[in-house]
Amino acid sequence: MEKSDKEWKKSLSEEQYYILRQKGTERPFTGQYNDHKEEGRYLCAGCQQELFESDAKFDSGCGWPSFDQSIDKTAVKESFDKSHGMMRTEITCSSCGGHLGHVFNDGPTETGQRYCINSVALNFTKK
């Protein structure tokens, strides 16, 4: 999915644009999906691609919605991120390239993954 910067600014809120297109981060414990418990699917707020199932969500205590796996291996793209003096793995939507958050190898489930995702980068559909 390709859109111009002008098209992204028109289709996203200011906060969504900051996070999805400029790789920003929302403040921890402020996002609408951090404590969200409904059953369903989490979608990219930029293009509506399905990203995560609610049964993959867990409370990691980090202040952002956390998942132990994506809906499938092609839903998100991983890349090396050394911004802010850290070495992390950035997660972007494989369809529109929107910044979602980061993944860490310290998850408590059998996958060992902890996908920390900005709520602003997500939409939700009930099961």
Protein backbone atom coordinates (compact mmCIF):
# COMPACT_ATOMS: atom_id res chain seq x y z
CA MET A 1 0.00 0.00 0.00
CA GLU A 2 1.50 3.29 -1.05
CA LYS A 3 0.19 6.71 -0.09
CA SER A 4 1.80 10.09 -0.24
CA ASP A 5 2.67 11.89 2.97
CA LYS A 6 -0.21 14.27 2.29
CA GLU A 7 -2.64 11.34 1.95
CA TRP A 8 -1.42 9.82 5.24
CA LYS A 9 -1.87 13.14 7.05
CA LYS A 10 -5.42 13.36 5.69
CA SER A 11 -6.42 9.80 6.64
CA LEU A 12 -4.81 9.59 10.12
CA SER A 13 -5.23 11.59 13.30
CA GLU A 14 -2.25 13.71 14.34
CA GLU A 15 -1.25 11.13 16.97
CA GLN A 16 -1.66 8.20 14.55
CA TYR A 17 0.47 10.00 11.99
CA TYR A 18 3.16 10.68 14.59
CA ILE A 19 3.34 7.02 15.62
CA LEU A 20 2.63 5.15 12.39
CA ARG A 21 4.51 7.36 9.94
CA GLN A 22 7.13 9.12 12.11
CA LYS A 23 7.94 6.14 14.38
CA GLY A 24 6.76 7.85 17.54
CA THR A 25 5.71 6.20 20.80
CA GLU A 26 2.71 6.86 23.00
CA ARG A 27 3.28 7.30 26.71
CA PRO A 28 3.09 4.01 28.66
CA PHE A 29 -0.19 3.11 30.41
CA THR A 30 -2.16 5.68 28.37
CA GLY A 31 -3.32 3.65 25.36
CA GLN A 32 -6.89 2.45 24.98
CA TYR A 33 -5.83 -1.17 24.37
CA ASN A 34 -3.33 -1.57 27.20
CA ASP A 35 -5.95 -3.10 29.57
CA HIS A 36 -8.37 -4.16 26.84
CA LYS A 37 -9.82 -7.65 27.39
CA GLU A 38 -12.46 -8.24 24.66
CA GLU A 39 -12.17 -11.16 22.26
CA GLY A 40 -11.42 -10.31 18.65
CA ARG A 41 -8.67 -9.12 16.35
CA TYR A 42 -6.35 -6.14 16.43
CA LEU A 43 -5.84 -4.39 13.10
CA CYS A 44 -3.39 -1.83 11.75
CA ALA A 45 -4.91 1.64 12.19
CA GLY A 46 -3.28 2.71 8.93
CA CYS A 47 -4.60 0.06 6.55
CA GLN A 48 -6.82 -2.32 8.57
CA GLN A 49 -4.62 -5.38 7.99
CA GLU A 50 -5.20 -7.99 10.70
CA LEU A 51 -2.17 -8.15 13.01
CA PHE A 52 -2.92 -9.89 16.33
CA GLU A 53 -5.56 -12.15 17.89
CA SER A 54 -6.88 -11.32 21.36
CA ASP A 55 -5.84 -14.75 22.65
CA ALA A 56 -2.20 -13.79 21.94
CA LYS A 57 -2.49 -10.71 24.22
CA PHE A 58 -1.09 -10.73 27.74
CA ASP A 59 -0.33 -8.24 30.50
CA SER A 60 3.40 -7.68 30.43
CA GLY A 61 3.28 -4.71 32.81
CA CYS A 62 5.24 -2.57 30.33
CA GLY A 63 2.40 -0.09 29.69
CA TRP A 64 1.66 -1.04 26.09
CA PRO A 65 -0.52 -3.79 24.66
CA SER A 66 1.61 -6.92 24.50
CA PHE A 67 1.21 -10.02 22.35
CA ASP A 68 3.21 -13.23 22.17
CA GLN A 69 2.79 -13.69 18.41
CA SER A 70 1.35 -12.01 15.33
CA ILE A 71 -1.66 -13.38 13.51
CA ASP A 72 0.71 -14.94 10.99
CA LYS A 73 4.36 -14.54 10.02
CA THR A 74 3.54 -12.23 7.11
CA ALA A 75 1.45 -9.69 9.08
CA VAL A 76 4.40 -7.78 10.53
CA LYS A 77 7.86 -7.00 9.33
CA GLU A 78 10.88 -6.89 11.64
CA SER A 79 13.88 -4.60 11.25
CA PHE A 80 16.86 -3.59 13.36
CA ASP A 81 16.40 -0.33 15.28
CA LYS A 82 19.32 1.35 17.03
CA SER A 83 17.61 4.66 17.76
CA HIS A 84 17.63 6.25 21.22
CA GLY A 85 20.90 4.50 22.11
CA MET A 86 19.26 1.06 22.23
CA MET A 87 19.38 -2.03 20.05
CA ARG A 88 15.84 -3.28 19.41
CA THR A 89 13.73 -4.99 16.79
CA GLU A 90 11.15 -2.65 15.29
CA ILE A 91 7.79 -4.02 14.14
CA THR A 92 6.00 -2.48 11.16
CA CYS A 93 2.82 -3.44 9.32
CA SER A 94 3.79 -5.53 6.31
CA SER A 95 1.02 -3.94 4.22
CA CYS A 96 1.43 -0.19 4.76
CA GLY A 97 4.80 0.02 6.55
CA GLY A 98 3.32 1.77 9.58
CA HIS A 99 5.40 1.68 12.77
CA LEU A 100 3.66 -0.48 15.38
CA GLY A 101 6.22 -0.87 18.16
CA HIS A 102 8.98 -3.34 19.04
CA VAL A 103 9.39 -7.05 19.76
CA PHE A 104 11.57 -8.47 22.52
CA ASN A 105 12.74 -12.01 23.27
CA ASP A 106 11.65 -11.97 26.92
CA GLY A 107 8.00 -13.00 26.69
CA PRO A 108 6.55 -15.31 29.37
CA THR A 109 4.81 -17.77 27.02
CA GLU A 110 6.20 -20.65 24.96
CA THR A 111 6.89 -18.29 22.03
CA GLY A 112 9.31 -16.26 24.15
CA GLN A 113 8.15 -13.14 22.28
CA ARG A 114 6.79 -9.86 23.68
CA TYR A 115 5.39 -7.62 20.96
CA CYS A 116 4.92 -4.18 22.58
CA ILE A 117 2.55 -2.26 20.36
CA ASN A 118 1.29 1.32 20.48
CA SER A 119 -2.50 1.38 21.00
CA VAL A 120 -2.75 4.31 18.60
CA ALA A 121 -1.36 2.07 15.84
CA LEU A 122 -4.25 -0.38 16.34
CA ASN A 123 -7.95 -0.75 15.71
CA PHE A 124 -10.04 -3.59 17.11
CA THR A 125 -12.88 -5.76 15.81
CA LYS A 126 -14.93 -7.93 18.16
CA LYS A 127 -15.11 -11.66 17.62
